[in-house]
Amino acid sequence: MMPTLLTTLEALATVRFETPPGKQLQIDFGERLVEIGGSKVRAYLFVATLCYSRRHHVRAFRDERQESWFDGLESAS
């Protein structure tokens, strides 16, 4: 059976990008609605991933302002 183009593309998309230890950190914000005290609140989740070990650091904020980015980076180190 011959692999389809989609199967081939899916396999290529899952290739892990390897980096040496301590070389790279990937960061981003995501958002979720969470319930706090019976009220739905939008929480912004700062996620930092060490590329070599794939270890995650996650912290919740009320916004995505520059100060939150800096606080997230500082708390990840």
PDB file of N, CA and C in Angstrom:
ATOM      1  N   MET A   1       0.845  -1.183   0.000  1.00  0.00           N
ATOM      2  CA  MET A   1       0.000   0.000   0.000  1.00  0.00           C
ATOM      3  C   MET A   1       0.887   1.241   0.000  1.00  0.00           C
ATOM      4  N   MET A   2       0.600   2.167  -0.857  1.00  0.00           N
ATOM      5  CA  MET A   2       1.405   3.376  -0.990  1.00  0.00           C
ATOM      6  C   MET A   2       0.878   4.464  -0.053  1.00  0.00           C
ATOM      7  N   PRO A   3       1.783   5.135   0.712  1.00  0.00           N
ATOM      8  CA  PRO A   3       1.307   6.189   1.626  1.00  0.00           C
ATOM      9  C   PRO A   3       0.733   7.372   0.850  1.00  0.00           C
ATOM     10  N   THR A   4      -0.296   7.958   1.414  1.00  0.00           N
ATOM     11  CA  THR A   4      -0.902   9.125   0.773  1.00  0.00           C
ATOM     12  C   THR A   4      -0.080  10.364   1.092  1.00  0.00           C
ATOM     13  N   LEU A   5      -0.318  11.420   0.350  1.00  0.00           N
ATOM     14  CA  LEU A   5       0.378  12.684   0.581  1.00  0.00           C
ATOM     15  C   LEU A   5       0.081  13.202   1.983  1.00  0.00           C
ATOM     16  N   LEU A   6      -1.171  13.083   2.423  1.00  0.00           N
ATOM     17  CA  LEU A   6      -1.545  13.551   3.760  1.00  0.00           C
ATOM     18  C   LEU A   6      -0.782  12.801   4.844  1.00  0.00           C
ATOM     19  N   THR A   7      -0.663  11.491   4.718  1.00  0.00           N
ATOM     20  CA  THR A   7       0.090  10.695   5.692  1.00  0.00           C
ATOM     21  C   THR A   7       1.548  11.135   5.729  1.00  0.00           C
ATOM     22  N   THR A   8       2.114  11.379   4.566  1.00  0.00           N
ATOM     23  CA  THR A   8       3.503  11.832   4.482  1.00  0.00           C
ATOM     24  C   THR A   8       3.667  13.198   5.132  1.00  0.00           C
ATOM     25  N   LEU A   9       2.751  14.123   4.851  1.00  0.00           N
ATOM     26  CA  LEU A   9       2.826  15.461   5.447  1.00  0.00           C
ATOM     27  C   LEU A   9       2.655  15.407   6.959  1.00  0.00           C
ATOM     28  N   GLU A  10       1.749  14.560   7.451  1.00  0.00           N
ATOM     29  CA  GLU A  10       1.561  14.417   8.896  1.00  0.00           C
ATOM     30  C   GLU A  10       2.831  13.900   9.553  1.00  0.00           C
ATOM     31  N   ALA A  11       3.500  12.964   8.929  1.00  0.00           N
ATOM     32  CA  ALA A  11       4.748  12.428   9.481  1.00  0.00           C
ATOM     33  C   ALA A  11       5.819  13.505   9.526  1.00  0.00           C
ATOM     34  N   LEU A  12       5.901  14.329   8.499  1.00  0.00           N
ATOM     35  CA  LEU A  12       6.889  15.411   8.477  1.00  0.00           C
ATOM     36  C   LEU A  12       6.585  16.464   9.538  1.00  0.00           C
ATOM     37  N   ALA A  13       5.308  16.692   9.811  1.00  0.00           N
ATOM     38  CA  ALA A  13       4.914  17.716  10.780  1.00  0.00           C
ATOM     39  C   ALA A  13       5.230  17.305  12.210  1.00  0.00           C
ATOM     40  N   THR A  14       5.471  16.030  12.460  1.00  0.00           N
ATOM     41  CA  THR A  14       5.719  15.579  13.826  1.00  0.00           C
ATOM     42  C   THR A  14       7.198  15.361  14.129  1.00  0.00           C
ATOM     43  N   VAL A  15       8.078  15.790  13.242  1.00  0.00           N
ATOM     44  CA  VAL A  15       9.511  15.643  13.483  1.00  0.00           C
ATOM     45  C   VAL A  15       9.926  16.612  14.585  1.00  0.00           C
ATOM     46  N   ARG A  16      10.564  16.091  15.610  1.00  0.00           N
ATOM     47  CA  ARG A  16      10.978  16.914  16.744  1.00  0.00           C
ATOM     48  C   ARG A  16      12.204  17.746  16.378  1.00  0.00           C
ATOM     49  N   PHE A  17      12.162  19.026  16.716  1.00  0.00           N
ATOM     50  CA  PHE A  17      13.276  19.935  16.484  1.00  0.00           C
ATOM     51  C   PHE A  17      14.196  19.855  17.694  1.00  0.00           C
ATOM     52  N   GLU A  18      15.383  19.331  17.519  1.00  0.00           N
ATOM     53  CA  GLU A  18      16.324  19.110  18.624  1.00  0.00           C
ATOM     54  C   GLU A  18      17.219  20.329  18.844  1.00  0.00           C
ATOM     55  N   THR A  19      17.418  20.686  20.109  1.00  0.00           N
ATOM     56  CA  THR A  19      18.343  21.760  20.470  1.00  0.00           C
ATOM     57  C   THR A  19      19.240  21.272  21.600  1.00  0.00           C
ATOM     58  N   PRO A  20      20.444  21.833  21.712  1.00  0.00           N
ATOM     59  CA  PRO A  20      21.315  21.466  22.833  1.00  0.00           C
ATOM     60  C   PRO A  20      20.720  21.965  24.158  1.00  0.00           C
ATOM     61  N   PRO A  21      21.072  21.341  25.287  1.00  0.00           N
ATOM     62  CA  PRO A  21      20.576  21.786  26.595  1.00  0.00           C
ATOM     63  C   PRO A  21      20.894  23.266  26.830  1.00  0.00           C
ATOM     64  N   GLY A  22      19.908  24.007  27.321  1.00  0.00           N
ATOM     65  CA  GLY A  22      20.097  25.411  27.663  1.00  0.00           C
ATOM     66  C   GLY A  22      20.140  26.364  26.492  1.00  0.00           C
ATOM     67  N   LYS A  23      19.901  25.894  25.286  1.00  0.00           N
ATOM     68  CA  LYS A  23      20.037  26.730  24.093  1.00  0.00           C
ATOM     69  C   LYS A  23      18.773  27.520  23.773  1.00  0.00           C
ATOM     70  N   GLN A  24      17.600  26.949  24.024  1.00  0.00           N
ATOM     71  CA  GLN A  24      16.377  27.601  23.566  1.00  0.00           C
ATOM     72  C   GLN A  24      15.224  27.405  24.549  1.00  0.00           C
ATOM     73  N   LEU A  25      14.424  28.462  24.683  1.00  0.00           N
ATOM     74  CA  LEU A  25      13.206  28.458  25.491  1.00  0.00           C
ATOM     75  C   LEU A  25      12.100  29.019  24.612  1.00  0.00           C
ATOM     76  N   GLN A  26      10.979  28.335  24.516  1.00  0.00           N
ATOM     77  CA  GLN A  26       9.849  28.831  23.741  1.00  0.00           C
ATOM     78  C   GLN A  26       8.787  29.322  24.709  1.00  0.00           C
ATOM     79  N   ILE A  27       8.220  30.502  24.414  1.00  0.00           N
ATOM     80  CA  ILE A  27       7.211  31.081  25.300  1.00  0.00           C
ATOM     81  C   ILE A  27       5.999  31.527  24.495  1.00  0.00           C
ATOM     82  N   ASP A  28       4.856  31.508  25.156  1.00  0.00           N
ATOM     83  CA  ASP A  28       3.627  31.980  24.533  1.00  0.00           C
ATOM     84  C   ASP A  28       2.571  32.153  25.617  1.00  0.00           C
ATOM     85  N   PHE A  29       1.509  32.869  25.271  1.00  0.00           N
ATOM     86  CA  PHE A  29       0.342  32.994  26.127  1.00  0.00           C
ATOM     87  C   PHE A  29      -0.807  32.225  25.495  1.00  0.00           C
ATOM     88  N   GLY A  30      -1.632  31.627  26.326  1.00  0.00           N
ATOM     89  CA  GLY A  30      -2.894  31.037  25.907  1.00  0.00           C
ATOM     90  C   GLY A  30      -3.959  31.609  26.821  1.00  0.00           C
ATOM     91  N   GLU A  31      -5.205  31.386  26.522  1.00  0.00           N
ATOM     92  CA  GLU A  31      -6.249  31.908  27.408  1.00  0.00           C
ATOM     93  C   GLU A  31      -7.326  30.871  27.634  1.00  0.00           C
ATOM     94  N   ARG A  32      -7.921  30.940  28.812  1.00  0.00           N
ATOM     95  CA  ARG A  32      -8.983  30.016  29.203  1.00  0.00           C
ATOM     96  C   ARG A  32      -9.992  30.771  30.067  1.00  0.00           C
ATOM     97  N   LEU A  33     -11.235  30.341  29.993  1.00  0.00           N
ATOM     98  CA  LEU A  33     -12.238  30.814  30.936  1.00  0.00           C
ATOM     99  C   LEU A  33     -12.192  29.877  32.134  1.00  0.00           C
ATOM    100  N   VAL A  34     -12.023  30.446  33.309  1.00  0.00           N
ATOM    101  CA  VAL A  34     -11.978  29.653  34.535  1.00  0.00           C
ATOM    102  C   VAL A  34     -13.023  30.189  35.499  1.00  0.00           C
ATOM    103  N   GLU A  35     -13.455  29.341  36.403  1.00  0.00           N
ATOM    104  CA  GLU A  35     -14.439  29.756  37.391  1.00  0.00           C
ATOM    105  C   GLU A  35     -13.733  30.048  38.704  1.00  0.00           C
ATOM    106  N   ILE A  36     -13.905  31.277  39.180  1.00  0.00           N
ATOM    107  CA  ILE A  36     -13.323  31.693  40.457  1.00  0.00           C
ATOM    108  C   ILE A  36     -14.444  32.294  41.292  1.00  0.00           C
ATOM    109  N   GLY A  37     -14.726  31.692  42.422  1.00  0.00           N
ATOM    110  CA  GLY A  37     -15.789  32.188  43.297  1.00  0.00           C
ATOM    111  C   GLY A  37     -17.151  32.223  42.632  1.00  0.00           C
ATOM    112  N   GLY A  38     -17.409  31.276  41.731  1.00  0.00           N
ATOM    113  CA  GLY A  38     -18.706  31.213  41.065  1.00  0.00           C
ATOM    114  C   GLY A  38     -18.824  32.086  39.831  1.00  0.00           C
ATOM    115  N   SER A  39     -17.807  32.884  39.530  1.00  0.00           N
ATOM    116  CA  SER A  39     -17.823  33.750  38.346  1.00  0.00           C
ATOM    117  C   SER A  39     -16.824  33.254  37.310  1.00  0.00           C
ATOM    118  N   LYS A  40     -17.201  33.365  36.037  1.00  0.00           N
ATOM    119  CA  LYS A  40     -16.271  33.005  34.962  1.00  0.00           C
ATOM    120  C   LYS A  40     -15.341  34.182  34.695  1.00  0.00           C
ATOM    121  N   VAL A  41     -14.057  33.885  34.688  1.00  0.00           N
ATOM    122  CA  VAL A  41     -13.022  34.906  34.502  1.00  0.00           C
ATOM    123  C   VAL A  41     -12.077  34.423  33.409  1.00  0.00           C
ATOM    124  N   ARG A  42     -11.640  35.334  32.549  1.00  0.00           N
ATOM    125  CA  ARG A  42     -10.662  34.980  31.524  1.00  0.00           C
ATOM    126  C   ARG A  42      -9.271  35.016  32.145  1.00  0.00           C
ATOM    127  N   ALA A  43      -8.579  33.888  32.091  1.00  0.00           N
ATOM    128  CA  ALA A  43      -7.211  33.789  32.610  1.00  0.00           C
ATOM    129  C   ALA A  43      -6.265  33.629  31.426  1.00  0.00           C
ATOM    130  N   TYR A  44      -5.160  34.346  31.474  1.00  0.00           N
ATOM    131  CA  TYR A  44      -4.133  34.262  30.441  1.00  0.00           C
ATOM    132  C   TYR A  44      -2.987  33.429  30.999  1.00  0.00           C
ATOM    133  N   LEU A  45      -2.656  32.357  30.311  1.00  0.00           N
ATOM    134  CA  LEU A  45      -1.653  31.416  30.798  1.00  0.00           C
ATOM    135  C   LEU A  45      -0.336  31.617  30.067  1.00  0.00           C
ATOM    136  N   PHE A  46       0.671  32.013  30.815  1.00  0.00           N
ATOM    137  CA  PHE A  46       2.025  32.127  30.287  1.00  0.00           C
ATOM    138  C   PHE A  46       2.631  30.730  30.325  1.00  0.00           C
ATOM    139  N   VAL A  47       3.107  30.252  29.186  1.00  0.00           N
ATOM    140  CA  VAL A  47       3.703  28.916  29.110  1.00  0.00           C
ATOM    141  C   VAL A  47       5.111  29.044  28.546  1.00  0.00           C
ATOM    142  N   ALA A  48       6.091  28.559  29.304  1.00  0.00           N
ATOM    143  CA  ALA A  48       7.484  28.527  28.855  1.00  0.00           C
ATOM    144  C   ALA A  48       7.902  27.065  28.784  1.00  0.00           C
ATOM    145  N   THR A  49       8.487  26.673  27.661  1.00  0.00           N
ATOM    146  CA  THR A  49       8.916  25.287  27.467  1.00  0.00           C
ATOM    147  C   THR A  49      10.398  25.253  27.140  1.00  0.00           C
ATOM    148  N   LEU A  50      11.161  24.529  27.954  1.00  0.00           N
ATOM    149  CA  LEU A  50      12.573  24.303  27.637  1.00  0.00           C
ATOM    150  C   LEU A  50      12.625  23.295  26.498  1.00  0.00           C
ATOM    151  N   CYS A  51      13.275  23.668  25.414  1.00  0.00           N
ATOM    152  CA  CYS A  51      13.217  22.841  24.202  1.00  0.00           C
ATOM    153  C   CYS A  51      13.922  21.502  24.347  1.00  0.00           C
ATOM    154  N   TYR A  52      15.009  21.432  25.077  1.00  0.00           N
ATOM    155  CA  TYR A  52      15.752  20.172  25.193  1.00  0.00           C
ATOM    156  C   TYR A  52      14.993  19.153  26.045  1.00  0.00           C
ATOM    157  N   SER A  53      14.568  19.574  27.238  1.00  0.00           N
ATOM    158  CA  SER A  53      13.920  18.639  28.173  1.00  0.00           C
ATOM    159  C   SER A  53      12.403  18.597  28.023  1.00  0.00           C
ATOM    160  N   ARG A  54      11.835  19.576  27.319  1.00  0.00           N
ATOM    161  CA  ARG A  54      10.385  19.738  27.173  1.00  0.00           C
ATOM    162  C   ARG A  54       9.706  20.010  28.517  1.00  0.00           C
ATOM    163  N   ARG A  55      10.456  20.506  29.456  1.00  0.00           N
ATOM    164  CA  ARG A  55       9.897  20.860  30.765  1.00  0.00           C
ATOM    165  C   ARG A  55       9.103  22.158  30.625  1.00  0.00           C
ATOM    166  N   HIS A  56       7.934  22.216  31.276  1.00  0.00           N
ATOM    167  CA  HIS A  56       7.039  23.366  31.154  1.00  0.00           C
ATOM    168  C   HIS A  56       6.998  24.172  32.447  1.00  0.00           C
ATOM    169  N   HIS A  57       6.810  25.466  32.276  1.00  0.00           N
ATOM    170  CA  HIS A  57       6.529  26.363  33.390  1.00  0.00           C
ATOM    171  C   HIS A  57       5.271  27.120  32.980  1.00  0.00           C
ATOM    172  N   VAL A  58       4.228  27.065  33.806  1.00  0.00           N
ATOM    173  CA  VAL A  58       2.956  27.710  33.479  1.00  0.00           C
ATOM    174  C   VAL A  58       2.569  28.630  34.619  1.00  0.00           C
ATOM    175  N   ARG A  59       2.123  29.831  34.260  1.00  0.00           N
ATOM    176  CA  ARG A  59       1.695  30.801  35.269  1.00  0.00           C
ATOM    177  C   ARG A  59       0.491  31.567  34.728  1.00  0.00           C
ATOM    178  N   ALA A  60      -0.498  31.810  35.566  1.00  0.00           N
ATOM    179  CA  ALA A  60      -1.717  32.513  35.151  1.00  0.00           C
ATOM    180  C   ALA A  60      -1.604  34.005  35.448  1.00  0.00           C
ATOM    181  N   PHE A  61      -2.120  34.804  34.520  1.00  0.00           N
ATOM    182  CA  PHE A  61      -2.158  36.259  34.661  1.00  0.00           C
ATOM    183  C   PHE A  61      -3.546  36.761  34.286  1.00  0.00           C
ATOM    184  N   ARG A  62      -3.825  38.000  34.637  1.00  0.00           N
ATOM    185  CA  ARG A  62      -5.100  38.624  34.275  1.00  0.00           C
ATOM    186  C   ARG A  62      -5.048  39.324  32.925  1.00  0.00           C
ATOM    187  N   ASP A  63      -3.847  39.447  32.351  1.00  0.00           N
ATOM    188  CA  ASP A  63      -3.678  40.146  31.077  1.00  0.00           C
ATOM    189  C   ASP A  63      -2.438  39.616  30.369  1.00  0.00           C
ATOM    190  N   GLU A  64      -2.175  40.153  29.170  1.00  0.00           N
ATOM    191  CA  GLU A  64      -0.989  39.770  28.405  1.00  0.00           C
ATOM    192  C   GLU A  64      -0.063  40.975  28.206  1.00  0.00           C
ATOM    193  N   ARG A  65      -0.095  41.900  29.120  1.00  0.00           N
ATOM    194  CA  ARG A  65       0.737  43.099  28.972  1.00  0.00           C
ATOM    195  C   ARG A  65       2.218  42.772  29.120  1.00  0.00           C
ATOM    196  N   GLN A  66       3.044  43.713  28.713  1.00  0.00           N
ATOM    197  CA  GLN A  66       4.491  43.509  28.737  1.00  0.00           C
ATOM    198  C   GLN A  66       4.983  43.118  30.129  1.00  0.00           C
ATOM    199  N   GLU A  67       4.441  43.728  31.149  1.00  0.00           N
ATOM    200  CA  GLU A  67       4.844  43.413  32.520  1.00  0.00           C
ATOM    201  C   GLU A  67       4.573  41.937  32.846  1.00  0.00           C
ATOM    202  N   SER A  68       3.463  41.410  32.338  1.00  0.00           N
ATOM    203  CA  SER A  68       3.140  39.994  32.564  1.00  0.00           C
ATOM    204  C   SER A  68       4.135  39.087  31.852  1.00  0.00           C
ATOM    205  N   TRP A  69       4.537  39.466  30.634  1.00  0.00           N
ATOM    206  CA  TRP A  69       5.568  38.701  29.922  1.00  0.00           C
ATOM    207  C   TRP A  69       6.854  38.671  30.744  1.00  0.00           C
ATOM    208  N   PHE A  70       7.265  39.845  31.211  1.00  0.00           N
ATOM    209  CA  PHE A  70       8.511  39.920  31.987  1.00  0.00           C
ATOM    210  C   PHE A  70       8.408  39.108  33.278  1.00  0.00           C
ATOM    211  N   ASP A  71       7.276  39.217  33.982  1.00  0.00           N
ATOM    212  CA  ASP A  71       7.076  38.439  35.213  1.00  0.00           C
ATOM    213  C   ASP A  71       7.100  36.936  34.921  1.00  0.00           C
ATOM    214  N   GLY A  72       6.476  36.536  33.818  1.00  0.00           N
ATOM    215  CA  GLY A  72       6.476  35.127  33.441  1.00  0.00           C
ATOM    216  C   GLY A  72       7.870  34.617  33.138  1.00  0.00           C
ATOM    217  N   LEU A  73       8.643  35.408  32.403  1.00  0.00           N
ATOM    218  CA  LEU A  73      10.025  35.017  32.091  1.00  0.00           C
ATOM    219  C   LEU A  73      10.877  34.928  33.347  1.00  0.00           C
ATOM    220  N   GLU A  74      10.721  35.916  34.223  1.00  0.00           N
ATOM    221  CA  GLU A  74      11.510  35.927  35.458  1.00  0.00           C
ATOM    222  C   GLU A  74      11.158  34.731  36.342  1.00  0.00           C
ATOM    223  N   SER A  75       9.872  34.400  36.428  1.00  0.00           N
ATOM    224  CA  SER A  75       9.475  33.276  37.283  1.00  0.00           C
ATOM    225  C   SER A  75       9.873  31.925  36.671  1.00  0.00           C
ATOM    226  N   ALA A  76      10.114  31.892  35.365  1.00  0.00           N
ATOM    227  CA  ALA A  76      10.526  30.648  34.705  1.00  0.00           C
ATOM    228  C   ALA A  76      12.008  30.364  34.889  1.00  0.00           C
ATOM    229  N   SER A  77      12.778  31.385  35.248  1.00  0.00           N
ATOM    230  CA  SER A  77      14.233  31.180  35.354  1.00  0.00           C
ATOM    231  C   SER A  77      14.652  30.694  36.721  1.00  0.00           C
TER     232      SER A  77
END
